[in-house]
Amino acid sequence: MGYTEDQNERWNEKFQELVTYKKEHRSAKVPRGYARDPKLGNWVNNQRSHYNNSKLSETRVGRLDSVGFAWNPLGEKWTENFLRLVAYKKKHNSTNVPNRYAEDDHPLGNWVTSQRTFYRYKTLSIERIHRLESIGFVWNTLDAQWMECFHKLVSYKKKHKSTSVPRSYKEDPQLGQWVKRQRKNYRKKKLTEERTELLNSISFVWSVGRNFSDR
């Protein structure tokens, strides 16, 4: 791929500016709107564009690689957040990150919410969907919350031999309210068949003193 002497000279100048930037910032990811040198940010973006269109010589690609040039910064950022989510799950045993949760100034909660939004609008790639699902990512947080309460009820039954949780249950007052809400939703035919079957599988009491199986 041929370049004129003038083109090579200008390219080398910008490359040296990039080397200097990396020494100062420990990164070759120059923001497009880099205030100190907006032209450097534009140049970096142009190198990605030339690379994607096979218009960048192997020599230039090699030199950029030597300084850790980011060819796909958005993809790298996604992977970085994904690994943060993996670490979060190991620590909290859940992928349901609160929306406002942040760690080391990284808004992981916002990122997780964005993945669900992209998924809902079918703008999330199959590869990313598979990576998230490989760690048990929950796309519907309402379903996740319901299952969490269901598992709490299963534990309650093992301990108390009953699914009749009093509303005043001190260990987990919300569990009693949740149980009451399931009965109410069932009466109003607002409980899905799947959830009804799950509750029936643990002999859930649908009304005081009367089992669903006896109705």
N, C-alpha and C. Protein backbone atom coordinates (compact mmCIF):
# COMPACT_ATOMS: atom_id res chain seq x y z
N MET A 1 0.86 -1.18 0.00
CA MET A 1 0.00 0.00 0.00
C MET A 1 0.90 1.24 0.00
N GLY A 2 0.85 2.03 -1.08
CA GLY A 2 1.79 3.13 -1.23
C GLY A 2 1.32 4.44 -0.62
N TYR A 3 2.23 5.12 0.05
CA TYR A 3 1.97 6.44 0.61
C TYR A 3 3.05 7.39 0.10
N THR A 4 2.72 8.65 -0.06
CA THR A 4 3.73 9.63 -0.46
C THR A 4 4.62 9.95 0.73
N GLU A 5 5.74 10.56 0.45
CA GLU A 5 6.67 10.92 1.53
C GLU A 5 6.00 11.88 2.50
N ASP A 6 5.23 12.80 1.97
CA ASP A 6 4.54 13.78 2.81
C ASP A 6 3.51 13.09 3.71
N GLN A 7 2.78 12.13 3.14
CA GLN A 7 1.78 11.38 3.93
C GLN A 7 2.45 10.59 5.05
N ASN A 8 3.57 9.97 4.73
CA ASN A 8 4.30 9.20 5.75
C ASN A 8 4.81 10.11 6.86
N GLU A 9 5.27 11.29 6.48
CA GLU A 9 5.80 12.23 7.47
C GLU A 9 4.70 12.67 8.43
N ARG A 10 3.54 13.02 7.87
CA ARG A 10 2.42 13.45 8.72
C ARG A 10 1.95 12.31 9.61
N TRP A 11 1.91 11.10 9.04
CA TRP A 11 1.47 9.94 9.83
C TRP A 11 2.43 9.68 10.98
N ASN A 12 3.72 9.75 10.70
CA ASN A 12 4.73 9.51 11.74
C ASN A 12 4.64 10.56 12.85
N GLU A 13 4.35 11.80 12.49
CA GLU A 13 4.20 12.85 13.49
C GLU A 13 3.05 12.52 14.44
N LYS A 14 1.92 12.12 13.88
CA LYS A 14 0.75 11.79 14.70
C LYS A 14 1.02 10.54 15.54
N PHE A 15 1.73 9.60 14.94
CA PHE A 15 2.05 8.38 15.70
C PHE A 15 2.90 8.72 16.92
N GLN A 16 3.87 9.61 16.76
CA GLN A 16 4.70 10.02 17.89
C GLN A 16 3.88 10.75 18.94
N GLU A 17 2.89 11.52 18.50
CA GLU A 17 1.98 12.18 19.44
C GLU A 17 1.19 11.14 20.22
N LEU A 18 0.81 10.07 19.53
CA LEU A 18 0.09 8.98 20.19
C LEU A 18 0.99 8.29 21.22
N VAL A 19 2.25 8.08 20.87
CA VAL A 19 3.21 7.47 21.80
C VAL A 19 3.34 8.33 23.05
N THR A 20 3.43 9.65 22.85
CA THR A 20 3.52 10.58 23.99
C THR A 20 2.26 10.52 24.84
N TYR A 21 1.11 10.47 24.16
CA TYR A 21 -0.17 10.38 24.89
C TYR A 21 -0.20 9.14 25.76
N LYS A 22 0.26 8.02 25.20
CA LYS A 22 0.23 6.77 25.97
C LYS A 22 1.13 6.85 27.19
N LYS A 23 2.30 7.48 27.05
CA LYS A 23 3.21 7.61 28.18
C LYS A 23 2.56 8.40 29.31
N GLU A 24 1.78 9.42 28.94
CA GLU A 24 1.13 10.28 29.93
C GLU A 24 -0.10 9.61 30.55
N HIS A 25 -0.86 8.90 29.73
CA HIS A 25 -2.16 8.37 30.16
C HIS A 25 -2.18 6.85 30.34
N ARG A 26 -1.08 6.19 30.00
CA ARG A 26 -0.98 4.72 30.09
C ARG A 26 -2.07 4.03 29.27
N SER A 27 -2.44 4.66 28.20
CA SER A 27 -3.47 4.11 27.31
C SER A 27 -3.35 4.77 25.95
N ALA A 28 -3.66 3.99 24.90
CA ALA A 28 -3.66 4.55 23.55
C ALA A 28 -5.08 4.86 23.09
N LYS A 29 -6.02 4.86 24.03
CA LYS A 29 -7.41 5.17 23.70
C LYS A 29 -7.63 6.68 23.82
N VAL A 30 -7.42 7.38 22.74
CA VAL A 30 -7.57 8.84 22.74
C VAL A 30 -9.03 9.19 22.47
N PRO A 31 -9.68 9.94 23.36
CA PRO A 31 -11.07 10.33 23.11
C PRO A 31 -11.17 11.17 21.84
N ARG A 32 -12.27 11.03 21.15
CA ARG A 32 -12.44 11.77 19.89
C ARG A 32 -12.42 13.28 20.14
N GLY A 33 -12.94 13.70 21.28
CA GLY A 33 -12.97 15.13 21.60
C GLY A 33 -11.87 15.54 22.55
N TYR A 34 -10.71 14.91 22.44
CA TYR A 34 -9.58 15.20 23.32
C TYR A 34 -9.25 16.69 23.27
N ALA A 35 -9.47 17.39 24.39
CA ALA A 35 -9.41 18.85 24.41
C ALA A 35 -8.02 19.40 24.07
N ARG A 36 -6.97 18.76 24.57
CA ARG A 36 -5.62 19.30 24.35
C ARG A 36 -5.20 19.20 22.88
N ASP A 37 -5.70 18.18 22.20
CA ASP A 37 -5.33 17.98 20.79
C ASP A 37 -6.45 17.26 20.06
N PRO A 38 -7.50 18.01 19.68
CA PRO A 38 -8.65 17.38 19.01
C PRO A 38 -8.26 16.62 17.74
N LYS A 39 -7.22 17.11 17.05
CA LYS A 39 -6.81 16.45 15.80
C LYS A 39 -6.28 15.04 16.05
N LEU A 40 -5.65 14.84 17.22
CA LEU A 40 -5.13 13.50 17.54
C LEU A 40 -6.27 12.51 17.70
N GLY A 41 -7.34 12.95 18.39
CA GLY A 41 -8.50 12.08 18.55
C GLY A 41 -9.11 11.71 17.21
N ASN A 42 -9.19 12.70 16.31
CA ASN A 42 -9.74 12.43 14.97
C ASN A 42 -8.82 11.49 14.19
N TRP A 43 -7.51 11.68 14.33
CA TRP A 43 -6.55 10.83 13.63
C TRP A 43 -6.68 9.38 14.07
N VAL A 44 -6.78 9.19 15.38
CA VAL A 44 -6.94 7.84 15.94
C VAL A 44 -8.20 7.19 15.38
N ASN A 45 -9.28 7.94 15.33
CA ASN A 45 -10.53 7.41 14.80
C ASN A 45 -10.39 7.06 13.32
N ASN A 46 -9.64 7.88 12.59
CA ASN A 46 -9.42 7.61 11.16
C ASN A 46 -8.63 6.32 10.95
N GLN A 47 -7.67 6.05 11.85
CA GLN A 47 -6.89 4.81 11.72
C GLN A 47 -7.80 3.59 11.84
N ARG A 48 -8.77 3.67 12.76
CA ARG A 48 -9.72 2.56 12.91
C ARG A 48 -10.54 2.40 11.64
N SER A 49 -10.98 3.54 11.09
CA SER A 49 -11.79 3.50 9.87
C SER A 49 -11.00 2.90 8.71
N HIS A 50 -9.74 3.34 8.55
CA HIS A 50 -8.89 2.80 7.47
C HIS A 50 -8.66 1.29 7.66
N TYR A 51 -8.48 0.91 8.91
CA TYR A 51 -8.24 -0.51 9.22
C TYR A 51 -9.47 -1.35 8.86
N ASN A 52 -10.64 -0.87 9.24
CA ASN A 52 -11.88 -1.60 8.95
C ASN A 52 -12.15 -1.71 7.45
N ASN A 53 -11.63 -0.73 6.69
CA ASN A 53 -11.83 -0.74 5.23
C ASN A 53 -10.61 -1.28 4.48
N SER A 54 -9.72 -1.95 5.24
CA SER A 54 -8.51 -2.55 4.65
C SER A 54 -7.66 -1.54 3.89
N LYS A 55 -7.58 -0.33 4.42
CA LYS A 55 -6.80 0.73 3.78
C LYS A 55 -5.59 1.14 4.61
N LEU A 56 -5.23 0.30 5.58
CA LEU A 56 -4.09 0.60 6.44
C LEU A 56 -3.02 -0.46 6.20
N SER A 57 -1.81 -0.03 5.92
CA SER A 57 -0.74 -0.99 5.61
C SER A 57 -0.39 -1.85 6.82
N GLU A 58 0.17 -3.02 6.54
CA GLU A 58 0.58 -3.92 7.62
C GLU A 58 1.61 -3.27 8.53
N THR A 59 2.48 -2.45 7.93
CA THR A 59 3.51 -1.77 8.73
C THR A 59 2.87 -0.84 9.74
N ARG A 60 1.88 -0.06 9.29
CA ARG A 60 1.21 0.87 10.20
C ARG A 60 0.38 0.11 11.25
N VAL A 61 -0.25 -0.95 10.82
CA VAL A 61 -1.01 -1.77 11.78
C VAL A 61 -0.07 -2.29 12.86
N GLY A 62 1.09 -2.78 12.44
CA GLY A 62 2.06 -3.32 13.38
C GLY A 62 2.56 -2.27 14.36
N ARG A 63 2.82 -1.06 13.85
CA ARG A 63 3.30 0.01 14.73
C ARG A 63 2.23 0.41 15.74
N LEU A 64 1.00 0.47 15.28
CA LEU A 64 -0.10 0.81 16.19
C LEU A 64 -0.30 -0.30 17.23
N ASP A 65 -0.21 -1.54 16.78
CA ASP A 65 -0.32 -2.66 17.72
C ASP A 65 0.76 -2.60 18.80
N SER A 66 1.93 -2.11 18.42
CA SER A 66 3.06 -2.08 19.36
C SER A 66 2.82 -1.15 20.55
N VAL A 67 1.87 -0.21 20.39
CA VAL A 67 1.58 0.70 21.51
C VAL A 67 0.23 0.36 22.15
N GLY A 68 -0.29 -0.83 21.83
CA GLY A 68 -1.56 -1.26 22.43
C GLY A 68 -2.76 -0.51 21.89
N PHE A 69 -2.73 -0.22 20.59
CA PHE A 69 -3.83 0.52 19.96
C PHE A 69 -5.14 -0.25 20.09
N ALA A 70 -6.21 0.46 20.42
CA ALA A 70 -7.54 -0.16 20.58
C ALA A 70 -8.31 -0.08 19.27
N TRP A 71 -8.39 -1.19 18.56
CA TRP A 71 -9.09 -1.20 17.28
C TRP A 71 -10.60 -1.16 17.45
N ASN A 72 -11.07 -1.72 18.55
CA ASN A 72 -12.52 -1.74 18.81
C ASN A 72 -12.75 -1.35 20.26
N PRO A 73 -12.63 -0.05 20.58
CA PRO A 73 -12.74 0.37 21.99
C PRO A 73 -14.09 0.06 22.62
N LEU A 74 -15.17 0.12 21.82
CA LEU A 74 -16.49 -0.18 22.38
C LEU A 74 -16.59 -1.64 22.77
N GLY A 75 -16.03 -2.51 21.92
CA GLY A 75 -16.04 -3.94 22.24
C GLY A 75 -15.21 -4.25 23.47
N GLU A 76 -14.06 -3.57 23.58
CA GLU A 76 -13.20 -3.79 24.75
C GLU A 76 -13.87 -3.29 26.02
N LYS A 77 -14.58 -2.17 25.90
CA LYS A 77 -15.29 -1.62 27.06
C LYS A 77 -16.39 -2.57 27.49
N TRP A 78 -17.09 -3.18 26.53
CA TRP A 78 -18.15 -4.13 26.86
C TRP A 78 -17.56 -5.32 27.62
N THR A 79 -16.45 -5.84 27.12
CA THR A 79 -15.81 -6.99 27.78
C THR A 79 -15.36 -6.63 29.19
N GLU A 80 -14.86 -5.42 29.34
CA GLU A 80 -14.43 -4.96 30.67
C GLU A 80 -15.61 -4.96 31.64
N ASN A 81 -16.75 -4.44 31.19
CA ASN A 81 -17.94 -4.42 32.04
C ASN A 81 -18.47 -5.83 32.30
N PHE A 82 -18.39 -6.68 31.28
CA PHE A 82 -18.83 -8.07 31.45
C PHE A 82 -18.02 -8.76 32.55
N LEU A 83 -16.71 -8.55 32.54
CA LEU A 83 -15.85 -9.16 33.56
C LEU A 83 -16.16 -8.60 34.94
N ARG A 84 -16.54 -7.34 35.00
CA ARG A 84 -16.96 -6.75 36.28
C ARG A 84 -18.25 -7.42 36.78
N LEU A 85 -19.14 -7.73 35.82
CA LEU A 85 -20.38 -8.42 36.19
C LEU A 85 -20.09 -9.83 36.68
N VAL A 86 -19.15 -10.52 36.05
CA VAL A 86 -18.75 -11.86 36.49
C VAL A 86 -18.24 -11.80 37.93
N ALA A 87 -17.41 -10.80 38.23
CA ALA A 87 -16.88 -10.63 39.58
C ALA A 87 -17.99 -10.32 40.57
N TYR A 88 -18.97 -9.49 40.13
CA TYR A 88 -20.11 -9.15 40.98
C TYR A 88 -20.90 -10.40 41.33
N LYS A 89 -21.12 -11.26 40.33
CA LYS A 89 -21.90 -12.47 40.58
C LYS A 89 -21.20 -13.40 41.56
N LYS A 90 -19.87 -13.51 41.42
CA LYS A 90 -19.12 -14.37 42.35
C LYS A 90 -19.26 -13.87 43.78
N LYS A 91 -19.34 -12.56 43.93
CA LYS A 91 -19.41 -11.96 45.26
C LYS A 91 -20.83 -11.99 45.82
N HIS A 92 -21.83 -11.71 44.96
CA HIS A 92 -23.21 -11.57 45.43
C HIS A 92 -24.13 -12.72 45.01
N ASN A 93 -23.60 -13.66 44.22
CA ASN A 93 -24.38 -14.81 43.74
C ASN A 93 -25.62 -14.38 42.97
N SER A 94 -25.49 -13.30 42.22
CA SER A 94 -26.62 -12.77 41.45
C SER A 94 -26.11 -11.85 40.35
N THR A 95 -26.86 -11.78 39.24
CA THR A 95 -26.53 -10.82 38.18
C THR A 95 -27.49 -9.63 38.22
N ASN A 96 -28.34 -9.59 39.24
CA ASN A 96 -29.28 -8.47 39.38
C ASN A 96 -28.60 -7.31 40.11
N VAL A 97 -27.90 -6.51 39.34
CA VAL A 97 -27.16 -5.39 39.91
C VAL A 97 -28.09 -4.19 40.05
N PRO A 98 -28.18 -3.60 41.23
CA PRO A 98 -29.03 -2.40 41.39
C PRO A 98 -28.64 -1.32 40.39
N ASN A 99 -29.62 -0.60 39.89
CA ASN A 99 -29.39 0.38 38.83
C ASN A 99 -28.34 1.42 39.20
N ARG A 100 -28.28 1.81 40.46
CA ARG A 100 -27.34 2.87 40.87
C ARG A 100 -26.02 2.31 41.40
N TYR A 101 -25.85 1.01 41.31
CA TYR A 101 -24.62 0.41 41.84
C TYR A 101 -23.41 0.80 41.00
N ALA A 102 -22.36 1.23 41.68
CA ALA A 102 -21.11 1.58 41.00
C ALA A 102 -19.95 1.10 41.86
N GLU A 103 -18.88 0.72 41.20
CA GLU A 103 -17.68 0.26 41.91
C GLU A 103 -16.46 0.87 41.24
N ASP A 104 -15.63 1.53 42.04
CA ASP A 104 -14.45 2.22 41.50
C ASP A 104 -14.84 3.19 40.38
N ASP A 105 -15.94 3.90 40.60
CA ASP A 105 -16.44 4.90 39.63
C ASP A 105 -16.92 4.28 38.31
N HIS A 106 -17.12 2.97 38.29
CA HIS A 106 -17.67 2.31 37.10
C HIS A 106 -19.15 2.00 37.36
N PRO A 107 -20.07 2.65 36.62
CA PRO A 107 -21.51 2.46 36.85
C PRO A 107 -22.01 1.12 36.30
N LEU A 108 -21.68 0.04 36.99
CA LEU A 108 -22.05 -1.30 36.51
C LEU A 108 -23.56 -1.47 36.43
N GLY A 109 -24.29 -0.89 37.39
CA GLY A 109 -25.75 -1.01 37.40
C GLY A 109 -26.37 -0.44 36.13
N ASN A 110 -25.89 0.73 35.70
CA ASN A 110 -26.40 1.34 34.47
C ASN A 110 -26.09 0.47 33.26
N TRP A 111 -24.90 -0.12 33.25
CA TRP A 111 -24.51 -0.97 32.12
C TRP A 111 -25.41 -2.19 32.03
N VAL A 112 -25.69 -2.82 33.16
CA VAL A 112 -26.56 -4.01 33.19
C VAL A 112 -27.96 -3.64 32.69
N THR A 113 -28.47 -2.51 33.15
CA THR A 113 -29.79 -2.05 32.70
C THR A 113 -29.79 -1.83 31.19
N SER A 114 -28.69 -1.28 30.66
CA SER A 114 -28.59 -1.03 29.22
C SER A 114 -28.61 -2.33 28.43
N GLN A 115 -27.96 -3.38 28.96
CA GLN A 115 -27.96 -4.67 28.24
C GLN A 115 -29.38 -5.22 28.13
N ARG A 116 -30.18 -5.06 29.18
CA ARG A 116 -31.58 -5.53 29.13
C ARG A 116 -32.38 -4.71 28.11
N THR A 117 -32.10 -3.41 28.06
CA THR A 117 -32.79 -2.55 27.09
C THR A 117 -32.42 -2.94 25.67
N PHE A 118 -31.13 -3.13 25.41
CA PHE A 118 -30.69 -3.54 24.07
C PHE A 118 -31.31 -4.89 23.68
N TYR A 119 -31.39 -5.79 24.64
CA TYR A 119 -31.97 -7.12 24.39
C TYR A 119 -33.45 -6.99 24.03
N ARG A 120 -34.15 -6.15 24.78
CA ARG A 120 -35.59 -5.96 24.55
C ARG A 120 -35.86 -5.39 23.15
N TYR A 121 -34.98 -4.50 22.70
CA TYR A 121 -35.16 -3.88 21.38
C TYR A 121 -34.40 -4.62 20.27
N LYS A 122 -33.89 -5.81 20.62
CA LYS A 122 -33.22 -6.69 19.65
C LYS A 122 -32.01 -6.01 18.99
N THR A 123 -31.26 -5.25 19.79
CA THR A 123 -30.06 -4.60 19.27
C THR A 123 -28.79 -5.14 19.94
N LEU A 124 -28.94 -6.24 20.67
CA LEU A 124 -27.79 -6.87 21.32
C LEU A 124 -27.36 -8.08 20.49
N SER A 125 -26.08 -8.16 20.18
CA SER A 125 -25.60 -9.24 19.30
C SER A 125 -25.79 -10.61 19.94
N ILE A 126 -25.92 -11.62 19.10
CA ILE A 126 -26.08 -13.00 19.57
C ILE A 126 -24.90 -13.41 20.45
N GLU A 127 -23.70 -12.99 20.04
CA GLU A 127 -22.50 -13.33 20.81
C GLU A 127 -22.60 -12.79 22.24
N ARG A 128 -23.03 -11.54 22.37
CA ARG A 128 -23.14 -10.94 23.71
C ARG A 128 -24.26 -11.58 24.52
N ILE A 129 -25.35 -11.91 23.85
CA ILE A 129 -26.45 -12.60 24.54
C ILE A 129 -25.95 -13.92 25.12
N HIS A 130 -25.22 -14.68 24.32
CA HIS A 130 -24.69 -15.98 24.77
C HIS A 130 -23.72 -15.81 25.93
N ARG A 131 -22.87 -14.78 25.86
CA ARG A 131 -21.90 -14.56 26.94
C ARG A 131 -22.61 -14.22 28.24
N LEU A 132 -23.64 -13.40 28.16
CA LEU A 132 -24.40 -13.04 29.36
C LEU A 132 -25.16 -14.25 29.90
N GLU A 133 -25.78 -15.01 29.02
CA GLU A 133 -26.54 -16.18 29.46
C GLU A 133 -25.63 -17.26 30.04
N SER A 134 -24.36 -17.28 29.63
CA SER A 134 -23.43 -18.28 30.15
C SER A 134 -23.16 -18.11 31.64
N ILE A 135 -23.45 -16.91 32.17
CA ILE A 135 -23.26 -16.68 33.61
C ILE A 135 -24.61 -16.56 34.32
N GLY A 136 -25.68 -17.02 33.64
CA GLY A 136 -27.00 -17.01 34.26
C GLY A 136 -27.63 -15.63 34.34
N PHE A 137 -27.35 -14.79 33.34
CA PHE A 137 -27.90 -13.43 33.34
C PHE A 137 -29.42 -13.49 33.25
N VAL A 138 -30.08 -12.67 34.06
CA VAL A 138 -31.55 -12.63 34.08
C VAL A 138 -32.01 -11.42 33.27
N TRP A 139 -32.77 -11.69 32.22
CA TRP A 139 -33.23 -10.60 31.35
C TRP A 139 -34.42 -9.87 31.94
N ASN A 140 -35.26 -10.58 32.67
CA ASN A 140 -36.46 -9.97 33.25
C ASN A 140 -36.29 -9.91 34.77
N THR A 141 -36.05 -8.73 35.30
CA THR A 141 -35.77 -8.60 36.73
C THR A 141 -36.99 -8.95 37.58
N LEU A 142 -38.18 -8.74 37.04
CA LEU A 142 -39.38 -9.07 37.82
C LEU A 142 -39.47 -10.58 38.03
N ASP A 143 -39.14 -11.35 37.00
CA ASP A 143 -39.11 -12.81 37.14
C ASP A 143 -38.07 -13.23 38.17
N ALA A 144 -36.94 -12.56 38.14
CA ALA A 144 -35.86 -12.90 39.08
C ALA A 144 -36.28 -12.63 40.51
N GLN A 145 -36.95 -11.51 40.73
CA GLN A 145 -37.41 -11.17 42.08
C GLN A 145 -38.44 -12.18 42.57
N TRP A 146 -39.32 -12.61 41.65
CA TRP A 146 -40.34 -13.59 42.04
C TRP A 146 -39.68 -14.91 42.44
N MET A 147 -38.71 -15.36 41.64
CA MET A 147 -38.03 -16.61 41.95
C MET A 147 -37.24 -16.52 43.25
N GLU A 148 -36.70 -15.37 43.53
CA GLU A 148 -35.96 -15.18 44.78
C GLU A 148 -36.89 -15.37 45.97
N CYS A 149 -38.10 -14.79 45.88
CA CYS A 149 -39.08 -14.95 46.96
C CYS A 149 -39.57 -16.39 47.04
N PHE A 150 -39.73 -17.03 45.89
CA PHE A 150 -40.17 -18.43 45.89
C PHE A 150 -39.16 -19.30 46.62
N HIS A 151 -37.88 -19.10 46.36
CA HIS A 151 -36.84 -19.89 47.03
C HIS A 151 -36.81 -19.60 48.53
N LYS A 152 -37.12 -18.39 48.89
CA LYS A 152 -37.22 -18.05 50.33
C LYS A 152 -38.37 -18.82 50.96
N LEU A 153 -39.47 -18.94 50.21
CA LEU A 153 -40.63 -19.68 50.71
C LEU A 153 -40.30 -21.17 50.84
N VAL A 154 -39.55 -21.70 49.89
CA VAL A 154 -39.12 -23.10 49.97
C VAL A 154 -38.30 -23.32 51.24
N SER A 155 -37.39 -22.40 51.53
CA SER A 155 -36.56 -22.50 52.75
C SER A 155 -37.43 -22.39 53.99
N TYR A 156 -38.42 -21.50 53.93
CA TYR A 156 -39.33 -21.33 55.07
C TYR A 156 -40.08 -22.63 55.34
N LYS A 157 -40.54 -23.28 54.27
CA LYS A 157 -41.29 -24.52 54.45
C LYS A 157 -40.43 -25.62 55.05
N LYS A 158 -39.17 -25.70 54.61
CA LYS A 158 -38.27 -26.71 55.17
C LYS A 158 -38.09 -26.51 56.67
N LYS A 159 -38.08 -25.27 57.08
CA LYS A 159 -37.85 -24.94 58.48
C LYS A 159 -39.12 -25.06 59.32
N HIS A 160 -40.26 -24.61 58.75
CA HIS A 160 -41.51 -24.54 59.53
C HIS A 160 -42.57 -25.56 59.11
N LYS A 161 -42.27 -26.38 58.09
CA LYS A 161 -43.21 -27.41 57.61
C LYS A 161 -44.53 -26.80 57.15
N SER A 162 -44.49 -25.58 56.63
CA SER A 162 -45.72 -24.90 56.21
C SER A 162 -45.38 -23.80 55.22
N THR A 163 -46.34 -23.48 54.34
CA THR A 163 -46.17 -22.34 53.43
C THR A 163 -47.00 -21.15 53.87
N SER A 164 -47.65 -21.28 55.03
CA SER A 164 -48.47 -20.19 55.56
C SER A 164 -47.58 -19.24 56.36
N VAL A 165 -47.02 -18.28 55.67
CA VAL A 165 -46.11 -17.33 56.32
C VAL A 165 -46.93 -16.18 56.90
N PRO A 166 -46.83 -15.94 58.20
CA PRO A 166 -47.58 -14.82 58.78
C PRO A 166 -47.06 -13.49 58.27
N ARG A 167 -47.95 -12.53 58.12
CA ARG A 167 -47.53 -11.22 57.64
C ARG A 167 -46.57 -10.55 58.61
N SER A 168 -46.61 -10.99 59.86
CA SER A 168 -45.75 -10.40 60.89
C SER A 168 -44.46 -11.20 61.09
N TYR A 169 -44.12 -12.04 60.12
CA TYR A 169 -42.92 -12.88 60.23
C TYR A 169 -41.69 -11.99 60.39
N LYS A 170 -41.06 -12.03 61.56
CA LYS A 170 -40.01 -11.08 61.90
C LYS A 170 -38.73 -11.26 61.08
N GLU A 171 -38.39 -12.49 60.77
CA GLU A 171 -37.14 -12.73 60.03
C GLU A 171 -37.17 -12.12 58.63
N ASP A 172 -38.36 -12.08 58.03
CA ASP A 172 -38.49 -11.53 56.68
C ASP A 172 -39.93 -11.05 56.47
N PRO A 173 -40.26 -9.85 56.96
CA PRO A 173 -41.64 -9.34 56.86
C PRO A 173 -42.14 -9.30 55.41
N GLN A 174 -41.25 -9.07 54.45
CA GLN A 174 -41.68 -8.98 53.06
C GLN A 174 -42.15 -10.32 52.50
N LEU A 175 -41.65 -11.42 53.06
CA LEU A 175 -42.05 -12.73 52.58
C LEU A 175 -43.53 -12.97 52.85
N GLY A 176 -43.98 -12.57 54.04
CA GLY A 176 -45.40 -12.72 54.37
C GLY A 176 -46.28 -11.92 53.42
N GLN A 177 -45.84 -10.71 53.09
CA GLN A 177 -46.59 -9.87 52.15
C GLN A 177 -46.60 -10.50 50.75
N TRP A 178 -45.48 -11.09 50.37
CA TRP A 178 -45.38 -11.72 49.06
C TRP A 178 -46.33 -12.90 48.96
N VAL A 179 -46.39 -13.73 50.01
CA VAL A 179 -47.30 -14.88 50.04
C VAL A 179 -48.74 -14.42 49.91
N LYS A 180 -49.08 -13.38 50.64
CA LYS A 180 -50.44 -12.84 50.57
C LYS A 180 -50.76 -12.37 49.15
N ARG A 181 -49.76 -11.75 48.51
CA ARG A 181 -49.97 -11.22 47.15
C ARG A 181 -50.18 -12.35 46.14
N GLN A 182 -49.52 -13.49 46.34
CA GLN A 182 -49.70 -14.63 45.42
C GLN A 182 -51.13 -15.15 45.51
N ARG A 183 -51.66 -15.22 46.73
CA ARG A 183 -53.06 -15.68 46.89
C ARG A 183 -54.02 -14.71 46.21
N LYS A 184 -53.75 -13.42 46.40
CA LYS A 184 -54.62 -12.40 45.80
C LYS A 184 -54.57 -12.47 44.27
N ASN A 185 -53.36 -12.61 43.72
CA ASN A 185 -53.22 -12.69 42.26
C ASN A 185 -53.87 -13.96 41.71
N TYR A 186 -53.81 -15.03 42.50
CA TYR A 186 -54.43 -16.28 42.06
C TYR A 186 -55.95 -16.12 42.00
N ARG A 187 -56.52 -15.51 43.04
CA ARG A 187 -57.98 -15.30 43.07
C ARG A 187 -58.44 -14.44 41.89
N LYS A 188 -57.61 -13.46 41.51
CA LYS A 188 -57.98 -12.55 40.43
C LYS A 188 -57.52 -13.07 39.06
N LYS A 189 -57.03 -14.33 39.06
CA LYS A 189 -56.57 -14.97 37.82
C LYS A 189 -55.44 -14.17 37.15
N LYS A 190 -54.58 -13.60 37.98
CA LYS A 190 -53.44 -12.83 37.49
C LYS A 190 -52.11 -13.56 37.68
N LEU A 191 -52.20 -14.80 38.16
CA LEU A 191 -50.99 -15.58 38.39
C LEU A 191 -50.78 -16.53 37.22
N THR A 192 -49.61 -16.53 36.64
CA THR A 192 -49.37 -17.38 35.47
C THR A 192 -49.45 -18.85 35.84
N GLU A 193 -49.71 -19.66 34.83
CA GLU A 193 -49.81 -21.11 35.04
C GLU A 193 -48.49 -21.67 35.58
N GLU A 194 -47.38 -21.16 35.05
CA GLU A 194 -46.07 -21.63 35.49
C GLU A 194 -45.85 -21.35 36.98
N ARG A 195 -46.21 -20.14 37.41
CA ARG A 195 -46.03 -19.80 38.83
C ARG A 195 -46.98 -20.59 39.71
N THR A 196 -48.19 -20.79 39.21
CA THR A 196 -49.16 -21.59 39.97
C THR A 196 -48.62 -23.01 40.18
N GLU A 197 -48.06 -23.59 39.13
CA GLU A 197 -47.52 -24.95 39.22
C GLU A 197 -46.33 -25.02 40.18
N LEU A 198 -45.49 -24.00 40.15
CA LEU A 198 -44.35 -23.98 41.07
C LEU A 198 -44.81 -23.94 42.52
N LEU A 199 -45.80 -23.11 42.79
CA LEU A 199 -46.32 -23.02 44.15
C LEU A 199 -47.03 -24.31 44.55
N ASN A 200 -47.77 -24.90 43.61
CA ASN A 200 -48.43 -26.17 43.91
C ASN A 200 -47.41 -27.27 44.21
N SER A 201 -46.23 -27.19 43.58
CA SER A 201 -45.21 -28.22 43.78
C SER A 201 -44.69 -28.27 45.21
N ILE A 202 -44.91 -27.19 45.96
CA ILE A 202 -44.49 -27.19 47.37
C ILE A 202 -45.71 -27.17 48.29
N SER A 203 -46.87 -27.58 47.73
CA SER A 203 -48.13 -27.64 48.49
C SER A 203 -48.49 -26.29 49.09
N PHE A 204 -48.46 -25.29 48.25
CA PHE A 204 -48.80 -23.94 48.70
C PHE A 204 -50.25 -23.87 49.17
N VAL A 205 -50.48 -23.17 50.26
CA VAL A 205 -51.84 -23.00 50.80
C VAL A 205 -52.44 -21.75 50.17
N TRP A 206 -53.46 -21.95 49.34
CA TRP A 206 -54.04 -20.83 48.61
C TRP A 206 -55.03 -20.02 49.43
N SER A 207 -55.60 -20.64 50.44
CA SER A 207 -56.50 -19.89 51.32
C SER A 207 -56.35 -20.48 52.72
N VAL A 208 -56.63 -19.70 53.71
CA VAL A 208 -56.43 -20.13 55.10
C VAL A 208 -57.26 -21.37 55.39
N GLY A 209 -56.58 -22.41 55.82
CA GLY A 209 -57.28 -23.63 56.21
C GLY A 209 -57.74 -24.49 55.05
N ARG A 210 -57.38 -24.07 53.82
CA ARG A 210 -57.84 -24.85 52.68
C ARG A 210 -56.75 -24.91 51.61
N ASN A 211 -56.38 -26.12 51.23
CA ASN A 211 -55.34 -26.34 50.24
C ASN A 211 -55.91 -26.22 48.84
N PHE A 212 -55.10 -25.77 47.91
CA PHE A 212 -55.57 -25.70 46.53
C PHE A 212 -56.06 -27.05 46.03
N SER A 213 -55.39 -28.13 46.42
CA SER A 213 -55.76 -29.47 45.95
C SER A 213 -57.12 -29.90 46.49
N ASP A 214 -57.60 -29.24 47.54
CA ASP A 214 -58.89 -29.60 48.12
C ASP A 214 -60.02 -28.76 47.55
N ARG A 215 -59.72 -27.81 46.67
CA ARG A 215 -60.75 -26.90 46.19
C ARG A 215 -61.67 -27.62 45.20
